[in-house]
Amino acid sequence: SISEIGPWPWSREVMANLVRQVNDAGAQLQVHDILYPVGERDGDRAFASALLEGNKSIIAQLPVVQNQNSDVKSGVLTNSMIGVSCESNGQGINFPTAESFIGSSDILASVPKGHIAPIIDPDGAVRKLPSMICFEGSAYPALAIAAFSQLGVDSSWTAEISRGDGFLAPEYLLTLTSIPGMGIPIDSNGSMRISFRKSPNAFQSISASSILRGEFEPALFDNALVLVGATAFGLDDIVPTPYSGFSPGVELQ
């Protein structure tokens, strides 16, 4: 796709067309594991309009946790989670706190978002993600949690935290009030373990260039959750997983 469309980042017009093609194919939700940072660009408003169409898209933002020397505050952070406290209130959970962040441009402020900050273990592997990251007293959910919040029965992003009950229960359970019966196991640091039960080969992938040309089977996207992310090694979004020492970061989602 890069050789056909051009170097990354692509124009906002290209991304708007990509979003519309995925929506038109019937996707239930498209989840962009991509940062769209500050910087006025041609086509910004058309891109925002495509992302907001039908409330069927969410994009990434990045509160910075593991590099506390950074003082970057770029763009805006949005879509904090209601009902999750960053204060010491007896929940016993120590959510990580960010001092800086890379958010989106103001034009994309109304597009729903989730964070993509991983937890990097000493050996360089990524096994967990913070379910929430706190910034200035507000808790911002991970992209995966944001996706289910957006799919919920109501528009409020609200969650509750309870202690695990039982010998094999998790330390805590994060439940989204918009998805009755769905619980997310988290530990005392508010982290959730990534499931690597399925090989990346179990998921179907389609190149962006094929979608833009209309050379794909729309039924593949019908009522599906569609992840949009970079897989080219030269874009520096490479992480080790149990399947490979150099997997594209979108596989974590």
Protein backbone atom coordinates (compact mmCIF):
# COMPACT_ATOMS: atom_id res chain seq x y z
CA SER A 1 0.00 0.00 0.00
CA ILE A 2 2.84 2.41 0.79
CA SER A 3 4.49 1.74 -2.56
CA GLU A 4 1.17 2.35 -4.33
CA ILE A 5 -0.31 5.25 -2.33
CA GLY A 6 2.87 6.95 -1.16
CA PRO A 7 4.89 7.47 2.04
CA TRP A 8 3.19 7.56 5.41
CA PRO A 9 1.41 9.61 6.68
CA TRP A 10 -1.14 9.58 3.92
CA SER A 11 -3.27 12.60 3.11
CA ARG A 12 -6.49 13.19 4.99
CA GLU A 13 -8.38 12.74 1.72
CA VAL A 14 -6.97 9.24 1.34
CA MET A 15 -7.84 8.35 4.94
CA ALA A 16 -11.36 9.78 4.56
CA ASN A 17 -11.90 7.61 1.48
CA LEU A 18 -10.61 4.57 3.35
CA VAL A 19 -12.98 5.22 6.26
CA ARG A 20 -15.96 5.63 3.93
CA GLN A 21 -15.18 2.44 2.04
CA VAL A 22 -15.07 0.46 5.29
CA ASN A 23 -18.31 2.07 6.50
CA ASP A 24 -20.06 1.45 3.19
CA ALA A 25 -19.12 -2.22 3.41
CA GLY A 26 -21.20 -2.47 6.60
CA ALA A 27 -18.59 -2.49 9.36
CA GLN A 28 -20.08 -2.35 12.84
CA LEU A 29 -17.10 -0.36 14.11
CA GLN A 30 -13.68 0.56 12.79
CA VAL A 31 -10.90 0.90 15.34
CA HIS A 32 -7.89 2.98 14.29
CA ASP A 33 -4.68 1.99 16.02
CA ILE A 34 -3.24 5.21 14.60
CA LEU A 35 -2.46 8.62 16.08
CA TYR A 36 -3.73 11.62 14.15
CA PRO A 37 -1.79 14.41 15.87
CA VAL A 38 -2.05 18.17 15.76
CA GLY A 39 -1.30 19.92 12.50
CA GLU A 40 -3.75 21.59 10.19
CA ARG A 41 -3.94 19.58 6.98
CA ASP A 42 -5.95 19.77 3.80
CA GLY A 43 -8.95 17.50 4.12
CA ASP A 44 -9.10 17.53 7.95
CA ARG A 45 -12.79 18.35 8.04
CA ALA A 46 -13.71 15.74 5.43
CA PHE A 47 -11.72 13.18 7.43
CA ALA A 48 -13.49 14.16 10.66
CA SER A 49 -16.85 13.93 8.93
CA ALA A 50 -16.07 10.41 7.67
CA LEU A 51 -14.96 9.27 11.14
CA LEU A 52 -18.11 10.67 12.77
CA GLU A 53 -20.49 9.14 10.24
CA GLY A 54 -22.86 6.84 12.10
CA ASN A 55 -20.66 6.89 15.23
CA LYS A 56 -18.84 3.90 13.77
CA SER A 57 -15.18 4.88 14.27
CA ILE A 58 -12.77 5.35 17.15
CA ILE A 59 -9.15 6.51 16.95
CA ALA A 60 -6.06 6.41 19.15
CA GLN A 61 -4.52 8.80 21.64
CA LEU A 62 -1.36 8.36 23.71
CA PRO A 63 -0.96 9.40 27.34
CA VAL A 64 2.78 8.96 28.00
CA VAL A 65 3.50 6.90 31.12
CA GLN A 66 6.90 5.25 30.83
CA ASN A 67 8.84 8.35 29.80
CA GLN A 68 8.19 10.82 32.56
CA ASN A 69 10.97 13.12 31.31
CA SER A 70 8.69 14.22 28.50
CA ASP A 71 6.64 17.40 28.90
CA VAL A 72 4.85 17.16 25.55
CA LYS A 73 1.16 18.06 25.65
CA SER A 74 0.06 17.91 22.05
CA GLY A 75 -3.55 18.25 20.98
CA VAL A 76 -6.42 17.19 23.23
CA LEU A 77 -7.29 14.09 25.26
CA THR A 78 -10.96 13.14 25.17
CA ASN A 79 -13.39 10.43 26.26
CA SER A 80 -12.50 9.83 29.87
CA MET A 81 -14.39 7.03 31.62
CA ILE A 82 -17.20 7.94 34.03
CA GLY A 83 -17.28 6.00 37.31
CA VAL A 84 -13.55 5.22 37.47
CA SER A 85 -11.66 7.25 40.02
CA CYS A 86 -8.00 8.18 39.87
CA GLU A 87 -8.01 9.13 43.56
CA SER A 88 -7.28 6.84 46.49
CA ASN A 89 -10.85 5.91 47.34
CA GLY A 90 -10.61 2.41 48.70
CA GLN A 91 -10.69 0.64 45.32
CA GLY A 92 -7.06 -0.36 45.89
CA ILE A 93 -6.08 0.11 42.25
CA ASN A 94 -3.05 2.14 41.24
CA PHE A 95 -3.76 3.21 37.69
CA PRO A 96 -0.68 4.60 35.92
CA THR A 97 -0.52 8.37 35.70
CA ALA A 98 0.62 10.28 32.64
CA GLU A 99 2.43 13.61 32.77
CA SER A 100 2.34 14.22 29.03
CA PHE A 101 0.35 13.08 26.04
CA ILE A 102 -0.09 13.04 22.29
CA GLY A 103 -3.72 13.72 21.49
CA SER A 104 -5.60 14.57 18.33
CA SER A 105 -6.14 17.88 16.63
CA ASP A 106 -9.09 20.01 17.74
CA ILE A 107 -10.90 19.15 14.52
CA LEU A 108 -10.99 15.49 15.61
CA ALA A 109 -11.88 16.29 19.24
CA SER A 110 -15.40 14.90 18.90
CA VAL A 111 -14.24 11.56 17.46
CA PRO A 112 -14.26 8.86 20.20
CA LYS A 113 -10.81 7.70 21.33
CA GLY A 114 -8.92 5.15 23.38
CA HIS A 115 -5.31 5.03 24.49
CA ILE A 116 -2.66 2.77 22.94
CA ALA A 117 0.01 2.93 25.67
CA PRO A 118 1.45 -0.55 26.25
CA ILE A 119 3.28 -1.87 29.30
CA ILE A 120 6.78 -2.86 28.22
CA ASP A 121 8.30 -5.54 30.43
CA PRO A 122 12.04 -5.58 31.26
CA ASP A 123 12.64 -8.15 28.52
CA GLY A 124 11.00 -5.85 25.95
CA ALA A 125 7.85 -7.93 25.58
CA VAL A 126 4.33 -6.57 25.80
CA ARG A 127 1.97 -8.79 27.79
CA LYS A 128 -0.42 -6.31 29.37
CA LEU A 129 -2.12 -3.00 28.67
CA PRO A 130 -3.31 -0.43 31.22
CA SER A 131 -7.08 -0.62 31.22
CA MET A 132 -7.06 3.06 32.22
CA ILE A 133 -4.45 5.80 32.34
CA CYS A 134 -4.99 8.82 34.56
CA PHE A 135 -4.23 12.37 33.53
CA GLU A 136 -5.13 15.34 35.68
CA GLY A 137 -7.64 13.28 37.66
CA SER A 138 -9.49 11.72 34.72
CA ALA A 139 -9.23 8.07 33.65
CA TYR A 140 -8.83 7.39 29.93
CA PRO A 141 -9.65 3.86 28.71
CA ALA A 142 -7.58 1.64 26.44
CA LEU A 143 -8.57 1.48 22.79
CA ALA A 144 -10.00 -2.02 23.22
CA ILE A 145 -12.21 -0.89 26.10
CA ALA A 146 -13.20 2.24 24.20
CA ALA A 147 -14.39 0.04 21.33
CA PHE A 148 -16.81 -1.87 23.55
CA SER A 149 -17.95 1.34 25.23
CA GLN A 150 -18.79 2.72 21.80
CA LEU A 151 -20.69 -0.47 20.92
CA GLY A 152 -22.77 -0.35 24.10
CA VAL A 153 -26.50 0.03 24.46
CA ASP A 154 -26.17 3.69 25.44
CA SER A 155 -23.79 6.52 24.62
CA SER A 156 -22.36 6.97 28.11
CA TRP A 157 -18.88 5.65 28.74
CA THR A 158 -19.42 4.42 32.28
CA ALA A 159 -17.69 1.64 34.19
CA GLU A 160 -17.67 0.09 37.64
CA ILE A 161 -14.88 -1.71 39.48
CA SER A 162 -15.43 -4.51 41.98
CA ARG A 163 -13.13 -6.89 43.81
CA GLY A 164 -12.84 -10.43 42.53
CA ASP A 165 -14.92 -12.96 44.43
CA GLY A 166 -13.61 -16.50 44.55
CA PHE A 167 -10.42 -18.56 44.55
CA LEU A 168 -9.83 -18.30 40.78
CA ALA A 169 -11.31 -14.84 40.38
CA PRO A 170 -9.18 -11.92 39.17
CA GLU A 171 -8.05 -9.31 41.68
CA TYR A 172 -10.60 -6.87 40.28
CA LEU A 173 -13.28 -6.85 37.64
CA LEU A 174 -13.98 -3.85 35.42
CA THR A 175 -17.51 -3.87 34.07
CA LEU A 176 -18.90 -1.56 31.41
CA THR A 177 -22.44 -0.51 32.24
CA SER A 178 -23.25 -0.23 28.53
CA ILE A 179 -22.44 -3.93 27.96
CA PRO A 180 -24.44 -5.91 30.56
CA GLY A 181 -22.69 -9.06 31.72
CA MET A 182 -19.29 -8.19 30.27
CA GLY A 183 -16.42 -8.13 32.78
CA ILE A 184 -12.76 -7.34 32.14
CA PRO A 185 -10.27 -8.90 34.60
CA ILE A 186 -7.67 -6.41 35.85
CA ASP A 187 -4.94 -6.50 38.48
CA SER A 188 -4.13 -4.09 41.31
CA ASN A 189 -2.30 -1.83 38.84
CA GLY A 190 -5.36 -1.65 36.63
CA SER A 191 -3.68 -3.71 33.90
CA MET A 192 -5.42 -6.23 31.67
CA ARG A 193 -3.62 -9.16 30.12
CA ILE A 194 -3.53 -9.39 26.34
CA SER A 195 -5.01 -12.60 24.98
CA PHE A 196 -2.66 -14.34 22.59
CA ARG A 197 -4.87 -17.41 22.23
CA LYS A 198 -5.33 -16.86 18.50
CA SER A 199 -2.49 -16.69 16.02
CA PRO A 200 -2.39 -13.54 13.87
CA ASN A 201 -3.01 -15.87 10.93
CA ALA A 202 -6.48 -16.53 12.34
CA PHE A 203 -7.53 -13.00 11.41
CA GLN A 204 -8.17 -11.83 7.88
CA SER A 205 -6.26 -8.80 6.68
CA ILE A 206 -6.83 -6.67 3.61
CA SER A 207 -4.47 -4.04 2.27
CA ALA A 208 -5.59 -0.42 2.33
CA SER A 209 -4.78 -0.09 -1.34
CA SER A 210 -7.17 -2.96 -2.19
CA ILE A 211 -9.94 -1.29 -0.22
CA LEU A 212 -9.36 2.07 -1.88
CA ARG A 213 -9.51 0.41 -5.30
CA GLY A 214 -12.70 -1.41 -4.31
CA GLU A 215 -11.01 -4.76 -4.92
CA PHE A 216 -12.24 -6.62 -1.84
CA GLU A 217 -15.26 -8.63 -0.76
CA PRO A 218 -17.54 -6.24 1.20
CA ALA A 219 -19.17 -9.17 3.00
CA LEU A 220 -15.95 -9.60 4.98
CA PHE A 221 -16.66 -6.29 6.71
CA ASP A 222 -20.40 -6.71 7.13
CA ASN A 223 -21.22 -6.21 10.84
CA ALA A 224 -17.56 -6.77 11.72
CA LEU A 225 -15.10 -4.97 13.94
CA VAL A 226 -12.40 -3.65 11.62
CA LEU A 227 -8.94 -2.76 12.91
CA VAL A 228 -7.06 -0.13 10.92
CA GLY A 229 -3.33 -0.02 11.60
CA ALA A 230 0.15 0.05 10.18
CA THR A 231 2.04 -3.17 9.44
CA ALA A 232 5.03 -1.86 7.44
CA PHE A 233 8.26 -2.40 9.38
CA GLY A 234 9.62 0.98 8.39
CA LEU A 235 6.93 2.80 10.39
CA ASP A 236 8.53 1.81 13.73
CA ASP A 237 5.35 0.33 15.23
CA ILE A 238 6.94 -3.06 15.90
CA VAL A 239 6.62 -5.06 19.13
CA PRO A 240 7.58 -8.57 20.29
CA THR A 241 4.74 -11.03 20.92
CA PRO A 242 4.64 -14.78 21.61
CA TYR A 243 4.28 -15.32 17.86
CA SER A 244 7.12 -13.14 16.64
CA GLY A 245 9.89 -10.87 17.84
CA PHE A 246 8.78 -8.23 15.36
CA SER A 247 5.00 -8.00 15.14
CA PRO A 248 3.10 -4.89 14.06
CA GLY A 249 1.63 -3.06 17.05
CA VAL A 250 -1.90 -3.38 15.71
CA GLU A 251 -1.75 -7.09 16.61
CA LEU A 252 -1.85 -6.12 20.29
CA GLN A 253 -5.34 -4.76 19.73
